[in-house]
Amino acid sequence: MTTPNHNQPLVVSYLTMRKAVGWLGMALPFVLLIGNFCVNSMDILNSDRWISKDTICYKTYVSAGHFKSSISHYYYSTVGELFTGTLCAVALFMFCYKGHPKRAGEWGPSEGRVTNMAALFALGVVIFPTSASSCITDNVRTYLSKDFTGYIHFGFATLFFVTLAILSIVYFRRSEKQEDFGKGKYDNFYRFAAF
């Protein structure tokens, strides 16, 4: 398999998608915080314009605050769909991303296998939400997971972040020549991002 020409339009857009997923991951905590703040501040979930109050199950929404103890706890907040949707988008990209082929003499799995593992771990984070032992005041979802589910969530999250760190430290710093590994323009940024 030949190394792709980075000047081809398809390759450039592919690399742009890879950068977009990185930006999504870095921006996600801030977007969740700001989104939750905006929904709570504008009292959207108690507005007659958006919510039907004529049903038996309607209950006045009361915010439990904008900050959550972890990014995973935003699953239960007003921006839970944004959290799960972003992780699903990242997982989809990771499944589709093949990366560079494994070269002769290289140790470890190919880049495509590592990104597939990261995709599975991201989906695991979505499927198994973090534990919530009691109803949080601003719990938009009625489903509350137990501690055991929270442990599975934590395991998937840990493995997801470890695989992202491996991608950043090892695979994103590759070059066409093995002796040029780690000498690229953005290699220090990738190493920093891993930690």
Protein backbone atom coordinates (compact mmCIF):
# COMPACT_ATOMS: atom_id res chain seq x y z
CA MET A 1 0.00 0.00 0.00
CA THR A 2 1.41 3.39 -0.94
CA THR A 3 1.55 6.38 1.36
CA PRO A 4 -1.26 8.81 0.51
CA ASN A 5 -0.45 12.11 -1.15
CA HIS A 6 -1.57 14.72 1.39
CA ASN A 7 -2.37 17.19 -1.39
CA GLN A 8 -5.25 15.10 -2.73
CA PRO A 9 -8.66 16.63 -1.80
CA LEU A 10 -9.99 13.40 -0.25
CA VAL A 11 -6.95 12.97 1.97
CA VAL A 12 -7.04 16.59 3.11
CA SER A 13 -10.70 16.28 4.10
CA TYR A 14 -9.90 13.02 5.88
CA LEU A 15 -7.14 14.73 7.85
CA THR A 16 -9.53 17.62 8.54
CA MET A 17 -12.05 15.14 9.96
CA ARG A 18 -9.34 13.74 12.22
CA LYS A 19 -8.60 17.24 13.50
CA ALA A 20 -12.33 17.92 13.95
CA VAL A 21 -12.67 14.88 16.20
CA GLY A 22 -9.73 16.14 18.26
CA TRP A 23 -11.37 19.55 18.60
CA LEU A 24 -14.67 17.89 19.54
CA GLY A 25 -12.95 15.99 22.32
CA MET A 26 -11.19 19.06 23.67
CA ALA A 27 -14.26 21.28 23.43
CA LEU A 28 -16.78 18.78 24.82
CA PRO A 29 -16.36 19.62 28.54
CA PHE A 30 -16.76 23.34 27.87
CA VAL A 31 -19.69 22.87 25.50
CA LEU A 32 -21.48 20.71 28.07
CA LEU A 33 -20.92 23.23 30.85
CA ILE A 34 -22.01 26.20 28.73
CA GLY A 35 -24.96 24.32 27.22
CA ASN A 36 -26.21 23.17 30.63
CA PHE A 37 -25.75 26.70 31.96
CA CYS A 38 -27.76 28.19 29.08
CA VAL A 39 -30.64 25.71 29.36
CA ASN A 40 -30.81 26.20 33.11
CA SER A 41 -30.44 29.99 33.00
CA MET A 42 -33.12 30.43 30.36
CA ASP A 43 -35.38 27.99 32.23
CA ILE A 44 -36.14 26.19 28.96
CA LEU A 45 -37.43 23.03 30.65
CA ASN A 46 -40.15 25.04 32.44
CA SER A 47 -41.15 27.15 29.45
CA ASP A 48 -44.64 26.75 27.97
CA ARG A 49 -43.09 27.32 24.56
CA TRP A 50 -41.01 24.11 24.74
CA ILE A 51 -42.61 21.83 27.34
CA SER A 52 -46.22 20.67 27.54
CA LYS A 53 -47.45 21.08 31.11
CA ASP A 54 -50.81 19.47 30.39
CA THR A 55 -49.61 15.92 31.04
CA ILE A 56 -49.85 13.97 34.27
CA CYS A 57 -46.13 13.25 34.33
CA TYR A 58 -45.03 16.90 34.14
CA LYS A 59 -43.03 18.04 37.13
CA THR A 60 -41.38 21.43 37.56
CA TYR A 61 -37.73 21.20 36.57
CA VAL A 62 -35.25 22.38 39.18
CA SER A 63 -31.58 22.67 38.28
CA ALA A 64 -28.98 21.08 40.55
CA GLY A 65 -26.29 23.43 39.28
CA HIS A 66 -24.15 23.85 36.23
CA PHE A 67 -21.00 22.02 37.37
CA LYS A 68 -21.05 18.22 37.63
CA SER A 69 -18.63 16.02 39.55
CA SER A 70 -17.39 14.50 36.27
CA ILE A 71 -18.00 14.94 32.57
CA SER A 72 -19.92 11.64 32.62
CA HIS A 73 -22.50 13.07 35.03
CA TYR A 74 -23.66 15.43 32.28
CA TYR A 75 -25.39 12.31 30.94
CA TYR A 76 -28.14 12.94 33.48
CA SER A 77 -28.38 16.69 32.79
CA THR A 78 -30.06 18.80 30.14
CA VAL A 79 -27.17 18.21 27.72
CA GLY A 80 -27.05 14.42 28.06
CA GLU A 81 -27.87 13.90 24.39
CA LEU A 82 -25.03 16.20 23.40
CA PHE A 83 -22.64 14.13 25.53
CA THR A 84 -23.77 10.77 24.12
CA GLY A 85 -24.13 12.10 20.57
CA THR A 86 -20.60 13.48 20.51
CA LEU A 87 -19.16 10.22 21.83
CA CYS A 88 -21.13 8.27 19.20
CA ALA A 89 -19.80 10.58 16.47
CA VAL A 90 -16.25 10.07 17.73
CA ALA A 91 -16.82 6.29 17.82
CA LEU A 92 -18.17 6.29 14.26
CA PHE A 93 -15.15 8.18 13.01
CA MET A 94 -12.81 5.85 14.90
CA PHE A 95 -14.45 2.81 13.30
CA CYS A 96 -14.06 4.33 9.84
CA TYR A 97 -10.48 5.53 10.35
CA LYS A 98 -7.94 3.03 9.04
CA GLY A 99 -4.77 5.00 9.68
CA HIS A 100 -1.35 4.15 8.36
CA PRO A 101 -0.61 0.52 7.55
CA LYS A 102 1.71 -1.39 9.83
CA ARG A 103 5.26 -1.39 8.49
CA ALA A 104 7.66 -4.31 8.59
CA GLY A 105 9.50 -4.49 11.90
CA GLU A 106 7.02 -2.32 13.83
CA TRP A 107 5.85 -3.54 17.19
CA GLY A 108 2.24 -3.52 18.33
CA PRO A 109 -1.13 -3.42 16.60
CA SER A 110 -1.85 -1.35 13.53
CA GLU A 111 -3.29 2.14 13.89
CA GLY A 112 -6.63 0.91 12.53
CA ARG A 113 -6.92 -1.73 15.26
CA VAL A 114 -6.17 0.80 17.98
CA THR A 115 -8.79 3.22 16.65
CA ASN A 116 -11.33 0.37 16.46
CA MET A 117 -10.62 -0.41 20.12
CA ALA A 118 -11.05 3.28 20.99
CA ALA A 119 -14.40 3.27 19.15
CA LEU A 120 -15.60 0.23 21.13
CA PHE A 121 -14.54 1.86 24.39
CA ALA A 122 -16.32 5.12 23.48
CA LEU A 123 -19.51 3.19 22.77
CA GLY A 124 -19.08 1.39 26.09
CA VAL A 125 -18.99 4.77 27.84
CA VAL A 126 -22.29 5.67 26.14
CA ILE A 127 -24.04 2.33 26.72
CA PHE A 128 -23.05 2.04 30.39
CA PRO A 129 -23.69 5.44 32.05
CA THR A 130 -21.88 6.44 35.18
CA SER A 131 -23.49 5.48 38.46
CA ALA A 132 -26.00 7.71 40.19
CA SER A 133 -27.08 6.48 43.59
CA SER A 134 -29.99 8.85 44.05
CA CYS A 135 -32.22 11.09 41.98
CA ILE A 136 -30.28 14.18 41.11
CA THR A 137 -32.50 17.23 41.27
CA ASP A 138 -31.95 18.06 37.63
CA ASN A 139 -32.15 14.47 36.45
CA VAL A 140 -33.74 14.69 33.02
CA ARG A 141 -33.53 10.92 32.55
CA THR A 142 -35.44 8.47 34.69
CA TYR A 143 -32.81 5.76 34.25
CA LEU A 144 -30.25 5.68 37.05
CA SER A 145 -27.45 3.16 36.89
CA LYS A 146 -26.09 1.20 39.84
CA ASP A 147 -22.52 1.19 41.09
CA PHE A 148 -21.69 -1.93 39.07
CA THR A 149 -22.72 -0.18 35.84
CA GLY A 150 -20.69 2.83 36.95
CA TYR A 151 -17.62 0.60 37.34
CA ILE A 152 -18.10 -0.72 33.80
CA HIS A 153 -18.47 2.89 32.60
CA PHE A 154 -15.29 3.89 34.42
CA GLY A 155 -13.42 0.91 32.91
CA PHE A 156 -14.52 1.81 29.38
CA ALA A 157 -13.68 5.49 29.95
CA THR A 158 -10.21 4.59 31.24
CA LEU A 159 -9.51 2.30 28.30
CA PHE A 160 -10.84 4.94 25.88
CA PHE A 161 -8.51 7.62 27.25
CA VAL A 162 -5.54 5.21 27.32
CA THR A 163 -6.06 4.29 23.66
CA LEU A 164 -6.36 7.99 22.74
CA ALA A 165 -3.08 8.64 24.57
CA ILE A 166 -1.40 5.77 22.69
CA LEU A 167 -2.70 7.15 19.39
CA SER A 168 -1.37 10.59 20.25
CA ILE A 169 2.04 9.47 21.54
CA VAL A 170 2.78 6.76 18.99
CA TYR A 171 0.64 6.78 15.88
CA PHE A 172 0.10 10.50 15.28
CA ARG A 173 3.87 11.11 15.50
CA ARG A 174 4.75 8.63 12.77
CA SER A 175 6.50 9.78 9.61
CA GLU A 176 7.27 8.21 6.26
CA LYS A 177 10.77 7.31 7.41
CA GLN A 178 11.08 5.47 10.71
CA GLU A 179 14.17 7.46 11.68
CA ASP A 180 12.10 10.68 11.55
CA PHE A 181 9.64 9.48 14.21
CA GLY A 182 8.80 12.30 16.63
CA LYS A 183 10.50 15.03 14.61
CA GLY A 184 7.40 16.45 12.92
CA LYS A 185 6.00 19.95 13.21
CA TYR A 186 3.20 19.02 15.66
CA ASP A 187 4.84 16.10 17.47
CA ASN A 188 5.39 18.02 20.71
CA PHE A 189 1.71 19.00 20.72
CA TYR A 190 0.65 15.36 20.27
CA ARG A 191 2.93 14.28 23.11
CA PHE A 192 1.53 17.06 25.34
CA ALA A 193 -2.08 16.21 24.41
CA ALA A 194 -1.57 12.61 25.50
CA PHE A 195 -0.93 13.68 29.07
